[in-house]
Protein backbone atom coordinates (compact mmCIF):
# COMPACT_ATOMS: atom_id res chain seq x y z
CA MET A 1 20.49 -63.82 -35.79
CA SER A 2 20.61 -66.95 -33.70
CA GLN A 3 18.55 -67.12 -30.53
CA ASP A 4 21.74 -66.91 -28.45
CA THR A 5 22.84 -63.69 -30.15
CA PRO A 6 20.99 -60.48 -29.28
CA THR A 7 19.61 -58.49 -32.19
CA PRO A 8 21.98 -55.53 -32.51
CA ARG A 9 21.13 -51.88 -32.97
CA ILE A 10 23.52 -50.05 -35.28
CA GLU A 11 24.76 -46.46 -35.36
CA LEU A 12 26.47 -45.45 -38.60
CA TYR A 13 28.56 -42.28 -38.47
CA VAL A 14 29.18 -40.58 -41.80
CA ARG A 15 31.21 -37.54 -42.70
CA SER A 16 29.27 -34.68 -44.26
CA LEU A 17 31.91 -33.49 -46.74
CA LEU A 18 33.22 -36.53 -48.54
CA PRO A 19 36.43 -37.35 -50.37
CA ASP A 20 36.08 -38.92 -53.83
CA GLY A 21 34.46 -42.36 -53.79
CA ALA A 22 33.31 -42.23 -50.18
CA HIS A 23 29.70 -41.39 -51.02
CA GLU A 24 29.28 -44.66 -52.92
CA ARG A 25 30.76 -46.65 -50.00
CA GLN A 26 28.41 -44.91 -47.56
CA GLU A 27 25.42 -45.65 -49.80
CA ALA A 28 26.44 -49.32 -50.07
CA VAL A 29 26.61 -49.68 -46.27
CA ILE A 30 23.25 -47.91 -45.82
CA ASP A 31 21.67 -50.20 -48.45
CA HIS A 32 22.98 -53.24 -46.53
CA LEU A 33 21.67 -51.87 -43.23
CA ASP A 34 18.26 -51.19 -44.84
CA ARG A 35 18.09 -54.80 -45.98
CA LEU A 36 19.18 -56.12 -42.57
CA ASP A 37 16.54 -53.97 -40.90
CA ARG A 38 13.78 -55.17 -43.27
CA GLU A 39 14.81 -58.78 -42.63
CA ASP A 40 14.87 -58.20 -38.83
CA GLU A 41 18.55 -59.14 -38.63
CA ILE A 42 19.14 -55.89 -36.73
CA ALA A 43 16.89 -53.96 -34.37
CA GLY A 44 17.24 -50.84 -36.51
CA TYR A 45 19.89 -48.28 -37.25
CA ASN A 46 20.58 -44.55 -37.11
CA VAL A 47 22.76 -42.52 -39.42
CA VAL A 48 24.62 -39.73 -37.62
CA VAL A 49 26.30 -37.06 -39.71
CA TRP A 50 29.51 -35.61 -38.35
CA GLY A 51 32.12 -33.31 -39.77
CA LYS A 52 35.74 -33.86 -40.71
CA GLN A 53 37.10 -32.95 -37.29
CA ILE A 54 36.27 -31.61 -33.87
CA ALA A 55 38.50 -29.62 -31.57
CA PRO A 56 37.84 -30.81 -28.00
CA GLU A 57 38.63 -27.35 -26.57
CA SER A 58 36.44 -25.42 -29.05
CA ALA A 59 33.07 -23.76 -28.63
CA ALA A 60 31.65 -26.37 -31.03
CA ALA A 61 32.69 -29.11 -28.60
CA ASN A 62 30.43 -27.54 -25.99
CA THR A 63 27.33 -27.78 -28.18
CA GLU A 64 24.93 -30.68 -27.78
CA GLU A 65 26.21 -32.22 -31.03
CA GLY A 66 29.85 -31.70 -30.08
CA LYS A 67 29.37 -33.29 -26.67
CA TYR A 68 27.55 -36.23 -28.28
CA ILE A 69 30.41 -36.86 -30.73
CA LEU A 70 33.13 -36.55 -28.07
CA ASN A 71 31.21 -38.84 -25.69
CA ARG A 72 30.73 -41.45 -28.43
CA VAL A 73 34.41 -41.36 -29.42
CA ALA A 74 35.38 -41.73 -25.74
CA GLU A 75 33.01 -44.72 -25.50
CA PHE A 76 34.55 -46.22 -28.66
CA ARG A 77 38.06 -45.79 -27.25
CA GLN A 78 37.06 -47.43 -23.96
CA TRP A 79 35.59 -50.36 -25.90
CA ALA A 80 38.82 -50.65 -27.94
CA LEU A 81 40.91 -50.66 -24.78
CA SER A 82 38.80 -53.40 -23.17
CA SER A 83 38.71 -55.38 -26.45
CA ASN A 84 42.47 -55.10 -26.96
CA VAL A 85 42.10 -53.48 -30.39
CA SER A 86 43.07 -50.10 -31.78
CA LEU A 87 41.10 -47.22 -33.24
CA GLU A 88 44.08 -44.87 -33.39
CA SER A 89 44.56 -45.01 -37.15
CA PHE A 90 40.93 -43.96 -37.61
CA TYR A 91 40.61 -41.27 -34.90
CA GLN A 92 43.76 -39.21 -35.26
CA THR A 93 44.68 -35.88 -33.72
CA SER A 94 46.15 -33.17 -35.87
CA GLU A 95 47.33 -29.63 -35.31
CA VAL A 96 45.24 -27.06 -37.18
CA GLU A 97 46.44 -23.55 -37.94
CA SER A 98 43.81 -20.91 -37.21
CA GLU A 99 43.69 -17.99 -39.60
CA VAL A 100 41.48 -16.10 -37.14
CA THR A 101 43.76 -16.28 -34.11
CA ASP A 102 47.09 -16.81 -35.88
CA GLY A 103 47.59 -19.75 -33.54
CA ALA A 104 47.24 -23.51 -33.69
CA TYR A 105 44.93 -25.93 -31.91
CA ASP A 106 44.54 -29.70 -31.72
CA ALA A 107 41.59 -31.30 -33.47
CA MET A 108 40.41 -34.89 -33.63
CA VAL A 109 40.03 -36.00 -37.26
CA LEU A 110 36.94 -38.17 -37.57
CA PRO A 111 36.79 -41.12 -39.97
CA VAL A 112 34.79 -40.86 -43.19
CA MET A 113 32.55 -43.60 -41.80
CA GLY A 114 32.28 -45.48 -38.52
CA LEU A 115 29.94 -48.18 -37.25
CA ALA A 116 28.94 -48.84 -33.65
CA GLU A 117 27.03 -52.00 -32.76
CA TYR A 118 24.99 -52.15 -29.57
CA HIS A 119 23.51 -55.23 -27.89
CA ASP A 120 20.86 -54.41 -25.28
CA GLY A 121 22.23 -50.86 -25.04
CA GLU A 122 25.85 -51.97 -24.50
CA LEU A 123 28.54 -51.23 -27.07
CA ALA A 124 29.57 -54.58 -28.57
CA HIS A 125 31.66 -53.65 -31.62
CA VAL A 126 33.19 -50.66 -33.40
CA ALA A 127 34.35 -50.67 -37.00
CA PRO A 128 36.76 -49.94 -38.40
CA CYS A 129 39.27 -51.18 -35.86
CA THR A 130 42.58 -52.97 -35.99
CA ASP A 131 43.61 -56.11 -34.17
CA GLY A 132 47.37 -56.31 -34.64
CA ASP A 133 47.84 -56.18 -38.41
CA VAL A 134 44.22 -57.14 -39.17
CA VAL A 135 41.79 -54.37 -40.08
CA HIS A 136 38.13 -55.11 -39.31
CA THR A 137 36.20 -52.92 -41.75
CA ILE A 138 32.63 -51.70 -41.65
CA MET A 139 31.70 -53.84 -44.65
CA ASP A 140 33.29 -56.89 -42.99
CA ARG A 141 31.00 -56.40 -40.00
CA VAL A 142 27.90 -55.72 -42.10
CA GLU A 143 28.54 -58.90 -44.11
CA ARG A 144 28.98 -60.89 -40.88
CA LEU A 145 25.66 -59.46 -39.64
CA GLU A 146 24.03 -60.62 -42.89
CA ASN A 147 25.37 -64.12 -42.23
CA GLY A 148 24.29 -64.09 -38.58
CA ALA A 149 27.91 -64.27 -37.45
CA PRO A 150 29.39 -62.59 -34.38
CA PRO A 151 32.03 -59.90 -34.83
CA ALA A 152 35.29 -61.36 -36.12
CA LEU A 153 36.93 -60.35 -32.83
CA GLU A 154 34.56 -62.65 -30.91
CA GLN A 155 35.02 -65.41 -33.47
CA THR A 156 38.80 -65.21 -33.17
CA ALA A 157 38.61 -65.29 -29.37
CA ALA A 158 36.25 -68.29 -29.48
CA ASP A 159 38.64 -70.18 -31.78
CA VAL A 160 41.51 -69.87 -29.30
CA SER A 161 41.90 -72.71 -26.87
CA ILE A 162 43.90 -72.66 -23.68
CA VAL A 163 45.81 -75.88 -22.97
C-alpha cells in the first residue's frame, strides 16, 4: 500500500452450505488474503461464517450471532447508500414458507461470499456491489489490493473532473 493509503483490515463473509463451485472461489479468495497478509498489504483478515438466510424477526436474529450479522448488513447498506452503489442484488429478501407454523415469514438471503474493507475502523468498501451496470466483485477488489490500488469506486470518482 502507498503511504497515503491506510492498510486495510478485511472481513470475509462466507456461506456455510455452499452451492456447486463456490467452495473453490472461497478458497481462492482466502489464499489471496493469506498472501496479502503475509506481505503486509493488509492489516489482517477475519473469516466469518454465516448461513444462507436470516429472518430479522426470528429468535435466531436475537442471538449474538444474529445481531452481529444484521448489524453488519445494516452497516453495508448505509455504506452503499452513501457511496451511491447498490447491494440489493446480493442481499435479497424472500418469503419463506414455514412447515412448523403453516405460515410464511420474510428472510434476508445472504450472499455466498461478501467482503468488507475497513480503514482505521471505518467501513471503506463492500464487495460485491453494483455501480449502475458495473459489478465490483470480491476478486476485483482483492486484485486491486494486491496492486496497491484503491477500490474501483474511488478510482472512478478520482478520474471524474468537474469543469
